[in-house]
mmCIF file of all heavy atoms, coordinates in Angstrom:
data_MODEL
# 
_entry.id   MODEL 
# 
loop_
_atom_site.group_PDB 
_atom_site.id 
_atom_site.type_symbol 
_atom_site.label_atom_id 
_atom_site.label_alt_id 
_atom_site.label_comp_id 
_atom_site.label_asym_id 
_atom_site.label_entity_id 
_atom_site.label_seq_id 
_atom_site.pdbx_PDB_ins_code 
_atom_site.Cartn_x 
_atom_site.Cartn_y 
_atom_site.Cartn_z 
_atom_site.occupancy 
_atom_site.B_iso_or_equiv 
_atom_site.pdbx_formal_charge 
_atom_site.auth_seq_id 
_atom_site.auth_comp_id 
_atom_site.auth_asym_id 
_atom_site.auth_atom_id 
_atom_site.pdbx_PDB_model_num 
ATOM 1   N N   . GLY A 1 1  ? 0.823   -1.201 0.000   1.00 0.00 ? 1  GLY A N   1 
ATOM 2   C CA  . GLY A 1 1  ? 0.000   0.000  0.000   1.00 0.00 ? 1  GLY A CA  1 
ATOM 3   C C   . GLY A 1 1  ? 0.858   1.252  0.000   1.00 0.00 ? 1  GLY A C   1 
ATOM 4   O O   . GLY A 1 1  ? 0.553   2.237  -0.689  1.00 0.00 ? 1  GLY A O   1 
ATOM 5   N N   . TYR A 1 2  ? 1.970   1.201  0.751   1.00 0.00 ? 2  TYR A N   1 
ATOM 6   C CA  . TYR A 1 2  ? 2.885   2.343  0.774   1.00 0.00 ? 2  TYR A CA  1 
ATOM 7   C C   . TYR A 1 2  ? 3.505   2.557  -0.605  1.00 0.00 ? 2  TYR A C   1 
ATOM 8   O O   . TYR A 1 2  ? 3.618   3.691  -1.075  1.00 0.00 ? 2  TYR A O   1 
ATOM 9   C CB  . TYR A 1 2  ? 3.983   2.114  1.804   1.00 0.00 ? 2  TYR A CB  1 
ATOM 10  C CG  . TYR A 1 2  ? 4.923   3.297  1.936   1.00 0.00 ? 2  TYR A CG  1 
ATOM 11  C CD1 . TYR A 1 2  ? 4.743   4.243  2.942   1.00 0.00 ? 2  TYR A CD1 1 
ATOM 12  C CD2 . TYR A 1 2  ? 5.978   3.486  1.039   1.00 0.00 ? 2  TYR A CD2 1 
ATOM 13  C CE1 . TYR A 1 2  ? 5.582   5.337  3.053   1.00 0.00 ? 2  TYR A CE1 1 
ATOM 14  C CE2 . TYR A 1 2  ? 6.820   4.585  1.139   1.00 0.00 ? 2  TYR A CE2 1 
ATOM 15  C CZ  . TYR A 1 2  ? 6.624   5.497  2.151   1.00 0.00 ? 2  TYR A CZ  1 
ATOM 16  O OH  . TYR A 1 2  ? 7.450   6.593  2.246   1.00 0.00 ? 2  TYR A OH  1 
ATOM 17  N N   . THR A 1 3  ? 3.923   1.473  -1.263  1.00 0.00 ? 3  THR A N   1 
ATOM 18  C CA  . THR A 1 3  ? 4.580   1.608  -2.563  1.00 0.00 ? 3  THR A CA  1 
ATOM 19  C C   . THR A 1 3  ? 3.655   2.158  -3.643  1.00 0.00 ? 3  THR A C   1 
ATOM 20  O O   . THR A 1 3  ? 4.119   2.779  -4.601  1.00 0.00 ? 3  THR A O   1 
ATOM 21  C CB  . THR A 1 3  ? 5.137   0.251  -3.049  1.00 0.00 ? 3  THR A CB  1 
ATOM 22  O OG1 . THR A 1 3  ? 4.059   -0.680 -3.261  1.00 0.00 ? 3  THR A OG1 1 
ATOM 23  C CG2 . THR A 1 3  ? 6.115   -0.336 -2.032  1.00 0.00 ? 3  THR A CG2 1 
ATOM 24  N N   . ILE A 1 4  ? 2.363   1.916  -3.486  1.00 0.00 ? 4  ILE A N   1 
ATOM 25  C CA  . ILE A 1 4  ? 1.431   2.368  -4.524  1.00 0.00 ? 4  ILE A CA  1 
ATOM 26  C C   . ILE A 1 4  ? 0.979   3.808  -4.298  1.00 0.00 ? 4  ILE A C   1 
ATOM 27  O O   . ILE A 1 4  ? 0.483   4.455  -5.216  1.00 0.00 ? 4  ILE A O   1 
ATOM 28  C CB  . ILE A 1 4  ? 0.205   1.427  -4.585  1.00 0.00 ? 4  ILE A CB  1 
ATOM 29  C CG1 . ILE A 1 4  ? -0.364  1.392  -6.001  1.00 0.00 ? 4  ILE A CG1 1 
ATOM 30  C CG2 . ILE A 1 4  ? -0.879  1.844  -3.606  1.00 0.00 ? 4  ILE A CG2 1 
ATOM 31  C CD1 . ILE A 1 4  ? -1.392  0.311  -6.205  1.00 0.00 ? 4  ILE A CD1 1 
ATOM 32  N N   . GLY A 1 5  ? 1.176   4.328  -3.084  1.00 0.00 ? 5  GLY A N   1 
ATOM 33  C CA  . GLY A 1 5  ? 0.791   5.698  -2.770  1.00 0.00 ? 5  GLY A CA  1 
ATOM 34  C C   . GLY A 1 5  ? 1.453   6.738  -3.670  1.00 0.00 ? 5  GLY A C   1 
ATOM 35  O O   . GLY A 1 5  ? 0.762   7.574  -4.276  1.00 0.00 ? 5  GLY A O   1 
ATOM 36  N N   . PRO A 1 6  ? 2.796   6.724  -3.801  1.00 0.00 ? 6  PRO A N   1 
ATOM 37  C CA  . PRO A 1 6  ? 3.470   7.700  -4.675  1.00 0.00 ? 6  PRO A CA  1 
ATOM 38  C C   . PRO A 1 6  ? 3.036   7.579  -6.136  1.00 0.00 ? 6  PRO A C   1 
ATOM 39  O O   . PRO A 1 6  ? 2.960   8.574  -6.857  1.00 0.00 ? 6  PRO A O   1 
ATOM 40  C CB  . PRO A 1 6  ? 4.958   7.345  -4.511  1.00 0.00 ? 6  PRO A CB  1 
ATOM 41  C CG  . PRO A 1 6  ? 5.043   6.710  -3.162  1.00 0.00 ? 6  PRO A CG  1 
ATOM 42  C CD  . PRO A 1 6  ? 3.767   5.935  -3.020  1.00 0.00 ? 6  PRO A CD  1 
ATOM 43  N N   . LEU A 1 7  ? 2.743   6.352  -6.571  1.00 0.00 ? 7  LEU A N   1 
ATOM 44  C CA  . LEU A 1 7  ? 2.276   6.142  -7.945  1.00 0.00 ? 7  LEU A CA  1 
ATOM 45  C C   . LEU A 1 7  ? 0.925   6.819  -8.163  1.00 0.00 ? 7  LEU A C   1 
ATOM 46  O O   . LEU A 1 7  ? 0.710   7.507  -9.172  1.00 0.00 ? 7  LEU A O   1 
ATOM 47  C CB  . LEU A 1 7  ? 2.167   4.642  -8.233  1.00 0.00 ? 7  LEU A CB  1 
ATOM 48  C CG  . LEU A 1 7  ? 1.652   4.244  -9.619  1.00 0.00 ? 7  LEU A CG  1 
ATOM 49  C CD1 . LEU A 1 7  ? 2.587   4.754  -10.706 1.00 0.00 ? 7  LEU A CD1 1 
ATOM 50  C CD2 . LEU A 1 7  ? 1.498   2.727  -9.714  1.00 0.00 ? 7  LEU A CD2 1 
ATOM 51  N N   . ILE A 1 8  ? 0.028   6.642  -7.214  1.00 0.00 ? 8  ILE A N   1 
ATOM 52  C CA  . ILE A 1 8  ? -1.283  7.294  -7.303  1.00 0.00 ? 8  ILE A CA  1 
ATOM 53  C C   . ILE A 1 8  ? -1.124  8.817  -7.278  1.00 0.00 ? 8  ILE A C   1 
ATOM 54  O O   . ILE A 1 8  ? -1.816  9.538  -8.012  1.00 0.00 ? 8  ILE A O   1 
ATOM 55  C CB  . ILE A 1 8  ? -2.191  6.829  -6.151  1.00 0.00 ? 8  ILE A CB  1 
ATOM 56  C CG1 . ILE A 1 8  ? -2.552  5.351  -6.327  1.00 0.00 ? 8  ILE A CG1 1 
ATOM 57  C CG2 . ILE A 1 8  ? -3.462  7.680  -6.084  1.00 0.00 ? 8  ILE A CG2 1 
ATOM 58  C CD1 . ILE A 1 8  ? -3.359  4.769  -5.191  1.00 0.00 ? 8  ILE A CD1 1 
ATOM 59  N N   . ASN A 1 9  ? -0.190  9.294  -6.462  1.00 0.00 ? 9  ASN A N   1 
ATOM 60  C CA  . ASN A 1 9  ? 0.049   10.734 -6.373  1.00 0.00 ? 9  ASN A CA  1 
ATOM 61  C C   . ASN A 1 9  ? 0.479   11.322 -7.712  1.00 0.00 ? 9  ASN A C   1 
ATOM 62  O O   . ASN A 1 9  ? 0.100   12.443 -8.067  1.00 0.00 ? 9  ASN A O   1 
ATOM 63  C CB  . ASN A 1 9  ? 1.123   11.033 -5.316  1.00 0.00 ? 9  ASN A CB  1 
ATOM 64  C CG  . ASN A 1 9  ? 0.537   11.720 -4.100  1.00 0.00 ? 9  ASN A CG  1 
ATOM 65  O OD1 . ASN A 1 9  ? -0.553  12.284 -4.170  1.00 0.00 ? 9  ASN A OD1 1 
ATOM 66  N ND2 . ASN A 1 9  ? 1.243   11.678 -2.992  1.00 0.00 ? 9  ASN A ND2 1 
ATOM 67  N N   . ARG A 1 10 ? 1.285   10.562 -8.465  1.00 0.00 ? 10 ARG A N   1 
ATOM 68  C CA  . ARG A 1 10 ? 1.731   11.046 -9.768  1.00 0.00 ? 10 ARG A CA  1 
ATOM 69  C C   . ARG A 1 10 ? 0.547   11.206 -10.732 1.00 0.00 ? 10 ARG A C   1 
ATOM 70  O O   . ARG A 1 10 ? 0.482   12.172 -11.490 1.00 0.00 ? 10 ARG A O   1 
ATOM 71  C CB  . ARG A 1 10 ? 2.779   10.097 -10.359 1.00 0.00 ? 10 ARG A CB  1 
ATOM 72  C CG  . ARG A 1 10 ? 4.124   10.173 -9.674  1.00 0.00 ? 10 ARG A CG  1 
ATOM 73  C CD  . ARG A 1 10 ? 5.228   9.640  -10.566 1.00 0.00 ? 10 ARG A CD  1 
ATOM 74  N NE  . ARG A 1 10 ? 5.102   8.211  -10.796 1.00 0.00 ? 10 ARG A NE  1 
ATOM 75  C CZ  . ARG A 1 10 ? 5.644   7.277  -10.028 1.00 0.00 ? 10 ARG A CZ  1 
ATOM 76  N NH1 . ARG A 1 10 ? 6.335   7.636  -8.937  1.00 0.00 ? 10 ARG A NH1 1 
ATOM 77  N NH2 . ARG A 1 10 ? 5.515   6.000  -10.317 1.00 0.00 ? 10 ARG A NH2 1 
ATOM 78  N N   . TYR A 1 11 ? -0.371  10.254 -10.673 1.00 0.00 ? 11 TYR A N   1 
ATOM 79  C CA  . TYR A 1 11 ? -1.551  10.339 -11.541 1.00 0.00 ? 11 TYR A CA  1 
ATOM 80  C C   . TYR A 1 11 ? -2.468  11.477 -11.109 1.00 0.00 ? 11 TYR A C   1 
ATOM 81  O O   . TYR A 1 11 ? -3.018  12.202 -11.945 1.00 0.00 ? 11 TYR A O   1 
ATOM 82  C CB  . TYR A 1 11 ? -2.311  9.011  -11.536 1.00 0.00 ? 11 TYR A CB  1 
ATOM 83  C CG  . TYR A 1 11 ? -1.681  7.966  -12.409 1.00 0.00 ? 11 TYR A CG  1 
ATOM 84  C CD1 . TYR A 1 11 ? -0.704  7.113  -11.917 1.00 0.00 ? 11 TYR A CD1 1 
ATOM 85  C CD2 . TYR A 1 11 ? -2.051  7.823  -13.745 1.00 0.00 ? 11 TYR A CD2 1 
ATOM 86  C CE1 . TYR A 1 11 ? -0.109  6.154  -12.724 1.00 0.00 ? 11 TYR A CE1 1 
ATOM 87  C CE2 . TYR A 1 11 ? -1.465  6.867  -14.565 1.00 0.00 ? 11 TYR A CE2 1 
ATOM 88  C CZ  . TYR A 1 11 ? -0.493  6.044  -14.045 1.00 0.00 ? 11 TYR A CZ  1 
ATOM 89  O OH  . TYR A 1 11 ? 0.093   5.105  -14.853 1.00 0.00 ? 11 TYR A OH  1 
ATOM 90  N N   . LEU A 1 12 ? -2.637  11.633 -9.800  1.00 0.00 ? 12 LEU A N   1 
ATOM 91  C CA  . LEU A 1 12 ? -3.476  12.723 -9.301  1.00 0.00 ? 12 LEU A CA  1 
ATOM 92  C C   . LEU A 1 12 ? -2.852  14.073 -9.645  1.00 0.00 ? 12 LEU A C   1 
ATOM 93  O O   . LEU A 1 12 ? -3.556  15.020 -10.025 1.00 0.00 ? 12 LEU A O   1 
ATOM 94  C CB  . LEU A 1 12 ? -3.657  12.601 -7.786  1.00 0.00 ? 12 LEU A CB  1 
ATOM 95  C CG  . LEU A 1 12 ? -4.440  11.378 -7.289  1.00 0.00 ? 12 LEU A CG  1 
ATOM 96  C CD1 . LEU A 1 12 ? -4.493  11.359 -5.763  1.00 0.00 ? 12 LEU A CD1 1 
ATOM 97  C CD2 . LEU A 1 12 ? -5.848  11.358 -7.870  1.00 0.00 ? 12 LEU A CD2 1 
ATOM 98  N N   . GLY A 1 13 ? -1.529  14.165 -9.521  1.00 0.00 ? 13 GLY A N   1 
ATOM 99  C CA  . GLY A 1 13 ? -0.831  15.404 -9.828  1.00 0.00 ? 13 GLY A CA  1 
ATOM 100 C C   . GLY A 1 13 ? -0.919  15.774 -11.299 1.00 0.00 ? 13 GLY A C   1 
ATOM 101 O O   . GLY A 1 13 ? -0.855  16.953 -11.665 1.00 0.00 ? 13 GLY A O   1 
ATOM 102 N N   . ALA A 1 14 ? -1.079  14.752 -12.143 1.00 0.00 ? 14 ALA A N   1 
ATOM 103 C CA  . ALA A 1 14 ? -1.192  14.990 -13.583 1.00 0.00 ? 14 ALA A CA  1 
ATOM 104 C C   . ALA A 1 14 ? -2.643  15.184 -14.012 1.00 0.00 ? 14 ALA A C   1 
ATOM 105 O O   . ALA A 1 14 ? -2.941  15.245 -15.216 1.00 0.00 ? 14 ALA A O   1 
ATOM 106 C CB  . ALA A 1 14 ? -0.581  13.828 -14.352 1.00 0.00 ? 14 ALA A CB  1 
ATOM 107 N N   . GLY A 1 15 ? -3.533  15.261 -13.040 1.00 0.00 ? 15 GLY A N   1 
ATOM 108 C CA  . GLY A 1 15 ? -4.947  15.459 -13.360 1.00 0.00 ? 15 GLY A CA  1 
ATOM 109 C C   . GLY A 1 15 ? -5.621  14.207 -13.890 1.00 0.00 ? 15 GLY A C   1 
ATOM 110 O O   . GLY A 1 15 ? -6.591  14.305 -14.663 1.00 0.00 ? 15 GLY A O   1 
ATOM 111 N N   . MET A 1 16 ? -5.117  13.037 -13.513 1.00 0.00 ? 16 MET A N   1 
ATOM 112 C CA  . MET A 1 16 ? -5.661  11.771 -14.004 1.00 0.00 ? 16 MET A CA  1 
ATOM 113 C C   . MET A 1 16 ? -6.366  10.985 -12.897 1.00 0.00 ? 16 MET A C   1 
ATOM 114 O O   . MET A 1 16 ? -6.256  9.760  -12.806 1.00 0.00 ? 16 MET A O   1 
ATOM 115 C CB  . MET A 1 16 ? -4.541  10.906 -14.600 1.00 0.00 ? 16 MET A CB  1 
ATOM 116 C CG  . MET A 1 16 ? -3.869  11.512 -15.814 1.00 0.00 ? 16 MET A CG  1 
ATOM 117 S SD  . MET A 1 16 ? -2.584  10.420 -16.490 1.00 0.00 ? 16 MET A SD  1 
ATOM 118 C CE  . MET A 1 16 ? -2.068  11.330 -17.939 1.00 0.00 ? 16 MET A CE  1 
ATOM 119 N N   . GLY A 1 17 ? -7.078  11.696 -12.046 1.00 0.00 ? 17 GLY A N   1 
ATOM 120 C CA  . GLY A 1 17 ? -7.787  11.017 -10.973 1.00 0.00 ? 17 GLY A CA  1 
ATOM 121 C C   . GLY A 1 17 ? -8.836  10.053 -11.485 1.00 0.00 ? 17 GLY A C   1 
ATOM 122 O O   . GLY A 1 17 ? -9.108  9.019  -10.856 1.00 0.00 ? 17 GLY A O   1 
ATOM 123 N N   . ASP A 1 18 ? -9.423  10.373 -12.651 1.00 0.00 ? 18 ASP A N   1 
ATOM 124 C CA  . ASP A 1 18 ? -10.426 9.483  -13.229 1.00 0.00 ? 18 ASP A CA  1 
ATOM 125 C C   . ASP A 1 18 ? -9.821  8.143  -13.627 1.00 0.00 ? 18 ASP A C   1 
ATOM 126 O O   . ASP A 1 18 ? -10.492 7.110  -13.563 1.00 0.00 ? 18 ASP A O   1 
ATOM 127 C CB  . ASP A 1 18 ? -11.082 10.136 -14.437 1.00 0.00 ? 18 ASP A CB  1 
ATOM 128 C CG  . ASP A 1 18 ? -10.072 10.554 -15.496 1.00 0.00 ? 18 ASP A CG  1 
ATOM 129 O OD1 . ASP A 1 18 ? -8.935  10.897 -15.132 1.00 0.00 ? 18 ASP A OD1 1 
ATOM 130 O OD2 . ASP A 1 18 ? -10.425 10.548 -16.688 1.00 0.00 ? 18 ASP A OD2 1 
ATOM 131 N N   . ILE A 1 19 ? -8.551  8.150  -14.009 1.00 0.00 ? 19 ILE A N   1 
ATOM 132 C CA  . ILE A 1 19 ? -7.878  6.913  -14.390 1.00 0.00 ? 19 ILE A CA  1 
ATOM 133 C C   . ILE A 1 19 ? -7.665  6.019  -13.167 1.00 0.00 ? 19 ILE A C   1 
ATOM 134 O O   . ILE A 1 19 ? -7.801  4.796  -13.252 1.00 0.00 ? 19 ILE A O   1 
ATOM 135 C CB  . ILE A 1 19 ? -6.526  7.226  -15.073 1.00 0.00 ? 19 ILE A CB  1 
ATOM 136 C CG1 . ILE A 1 19 ? -6.794  7.768  -16.473 1.00 0.00 ? 19 ILE A CG1 1 
ATOM 137 C CG2 . ILE A 1 19 ? -5.615  6.003  -15.131 1.00 0.00 ? 19 ILE A CG2 1 
ATOM 138 C CD1 . ILE A 1 19 ? -5.555  8.134  -17.246 1.00 0.00 ? 19 ILE A CD1 1 
ATOM 139 N N   . VAL A 1 20 ? -7.352  6.636  -12.027 1.00 0.00 ? 20 VAL A N   1 
ATOM 140 C CA  . VAL A 1 20 ? -7.200  5.869  -10.779 1.00 0.00 ? 20 VAL A CA  1 
ATOM 141 C C   . VAL A 1 20 ? -8.517  5.181  -10.424 1.00 0.00 ? 20 VAL A C   1 
ATOM 142 O O   . VAL A 1 20 ? -8.541  4.009  -10.048 1.00 0.00 ? 20 VAL A O   1 
ATOM 143 C CB  . VAL A 1 20 ? -6.745  6.794  -9.627  1.00 0.00 ? 20 VAL A CB  1 
ATOM 144 C CG1 . VAL A 1 20 ? -6.684  6.009  -8.317  1.00 0.00 ? 20 VAL A CG1 1 
ATOM 145 C CG2 . VAL A 1 20 ? -5.382  7.401  -9.939  1.00 0.00 ? 20 VAL A CG2 1 
ATOM 146 N N   . VAL A 1 21 ? -9.614  5.920  -10.560 1.00 0.00 ? 21 VAL A N   1 
ATOM 147 C CA  . VAL A 1 21 ? -10.941 5.359  -10.269 1.00 0.00 ? 21 VAL A CA  1 
ATOM 148 C C   . VAL A 1 21 ? -11.267 4.216  -11.230 1.00 0.00 ? 21 VAL A C   1 
ATOM 149 O O   . VAL A 1 21 ? -11.782 3.164  -10.826 1.00 0.00 ? 21 VAL A O   1 
ATOM 150 C CB  . VAL A 1 21 ? -12.020 6.457  -10.346 1.00 0.00 ? 21 VAL A CB  1 
ATOM 151 C CG1 . VAL A 1 21 ? -13.411 5.846  -10.182 1.00 0.00 ? 21 VAL A CG1 1 
ATOM 152 C CG2 . VAL A 1 21 ? -11.776 7.516  -9.284  1.00 0.00 ? 21 VAL A CG2 1 
ATOM 153 N N   . MET A 1 22 ? -10.969 4.425  -12.512 1.00 0.00 ? 22 MET A N   1 
ATOM 154 C CA  . MET A 1 22 ? -11.243 3.398  -13.514 1.00 0.00 ? 22 MET A CA  1 
ATOM 155 C C   . MET A 1 22 ? -10.408 2.140  -13.257 1.00 0.00 ? 22 MET A C   1 
ATOM 156 O O   . MET A 1 22 ? -10.904 1.014  -13.408 1.00 0.00 ? 22 MET A O   1 
ATOM 157 C CB  . MET A 1 22 ? -10.956 3.947  -14.915 1.00 0.00 ? 22 MET A CB  1 
ATOM 158 C CG  . MET A 1 22 ? -11.958 4.980  -15.406 1.00 0.00 ? 22 MET A CG  1 
ATOM 159 S SD  . MET A 1 22 ? -11.456 5.749  -16.973 1.00 0.00 ? 22 MET A SD  1 
ATOM 160 C CE  . MET A 1 22 ? -11.472 4.309  -18.050 1.00 0.00 ? 22 MET A CE  1 
ATOM 161 N N   . ALA A 1 23 ? -9.149  2.326  -12.875 1.00 0.00 ? 23 ALA A N   1 
ATOM 162 C CA  . ALA A 1 23 ? -8.279  1.182  -12.593 1.00 0.00 ? 23 ALA A CA  1 
ATOM 163 C C   . ALA A 1 23 ? -8.786  0.403  -11.377 1.00 0.00 ? 23 ALA A C   1 
ATOM 164 O O   . ALA A 1 23 ? -8.781  -0.834 -11.371 1.00 0.00 ? 23 ALA A O   1 
ATOM 165 C CB  . ALA A 1 23 ? -6.848  1.653  -12.353 1.00 0.00 ? 23 ALA A CB  1 
ATOM 166 N N   . PHE A 1 24 ? -9.237  1.135  -10.367 1.00 0.00 ? 24 PHE A N   1 
ATOM 167 C CA  . PHE A 1 24 ? -9.796  0.489  -9.176  1.00 0.00 ? 24 PHE A CA  1 
ATOM 168 C C   . PHE A 1 24 ? -11.053 -0.295 -9.517  1.00 0.00 ? 24 PHE A C   1 
ATOM 169 O O   . PHE A 1 24 ? -11.225 -1.446 -9.100  1.00 0.00 ? 24 PHE A O   1 
ATOM 170 C CB  . PHE A 1 24 ? -10.108 1.532  -8.105  1.00 0.00 ? 24 PHE A CB  1 
ATOM 171 C CG  . PHE A 1 24 ? -10.795 0.977  -6.894  1.00 0.00 ? 24 PHE A CG  1 
ATOM 172 C CD1 . PHE A 1 24 ? -10.076 0.313  -5.915  1.00 0.00 ? 24 PHE A CD1 1 
ATOM 173 C CD2 . PHE A 1 24 ? -12.174 1.097  -6.737  1.00 0.00 ? 24 PHE A CD2 1 
ATOM 174 C CE1 . PHE A 1 24 ? -10.708 -0.224 -4.796  1.00 0.00 ? 24 PHE A CE1 1 
ATOM 175 C CE2 . PHE A 1 24 ? -12.817 0.572  -5.635  1.00 0.00 ? 24 PHE A CE2 1 
ATOM 176 C CZ  . PHE A 1 24 ? -12.073 -0.093 -4.657  1.00 0.00 ? 24 PHE A CZ  1 
ATOM 177 N N   . ALA A 1 25 ? -11.941 0.333  -10.290 1.00 0.00 ? 25 ALA A N   1 
ATOM 178 C CA  . ALA A 1 25 ? -13.189 -0.331 -10.685 1.00 0.00 ? 25 ALA A CA  1 
ATOM 179 C C   . ALA A 1 25 ? -12.907 -1.557 -11.544 1.00 0.00 ? 25 ALA A C   1 
ATOM 180 O O   . ALA A 1 25 ? -13.536 -2.607 -11.385 1.00 0.00 ? 25 ALA A O   1 
ATOM 181 C CB  . ALA A 1 25 ? -14.084 0.653  -11.433 1.00 0.00 ? 25 ALA A CB  1 
ATOM 182 N N   . GLY A 1 26 ? -11.956 -1.429 -12.456 1.00 0.00 ? 26 GLY A N   1 
ATOM 183 C CA  . GLY A 1 26 ? -11.593 -2.558 -13.315 1.00 0.00 ? 26 GLY A CA  1 
ATOM 184 C C   . GLY A 1 26 ? -11.011 -3.715 -12.533 1.00 0.00 ? 26 GLY A C   1 
ATOM 185 O O   . GLY A 1 26 ? -11.306 -4.886 -12.815 1.00 0.00 ? 26 GLY A O   1 
ATOM 186 N N   . THR A 1 27 ? -10.201 -3.393 -11.529 1.00 0.00 ? 27 THR A N   1 
ATOM 187 C CA  . THR A 1 27 ? -9.612  -4.436 -10.679 1.00 0.00 ? 27 THR A CA  1 
ATOM 188 C C   . THR A 1 27 ? -10.689 -5.158 -9.882  1.00 0.00 ? 27 THR A C   1 
ATOM 189 O O   . THR A 1 27 ? -10.695 -6.390 -9.787  1.00 0.00 ? 27 THR A O   1 
ATOM 190 C CB  . THR A 1 27 ? -8.582  -3.816 -9.712  1.00 0.00 ? 27 THR A CB  1 
ATOM 191 O OG1 . THR A 1 27 ? -7.569  -3.137 -10.471 1.00 0.00 ? 27 THR A OG1 1 
ATOM 192 C CG2 . THR A 1 27 ? -7.928  -4.893 -8.861  1.00 0.00 ? 27 THR A CG2 1 
# 
């Protein structure tokens, strides 16, 4: 969970929060 936090932050910082949601839903 710690290792995935910075990865999610990069997507959020790039304005790709919708992609994080889609990846979660797909999983």
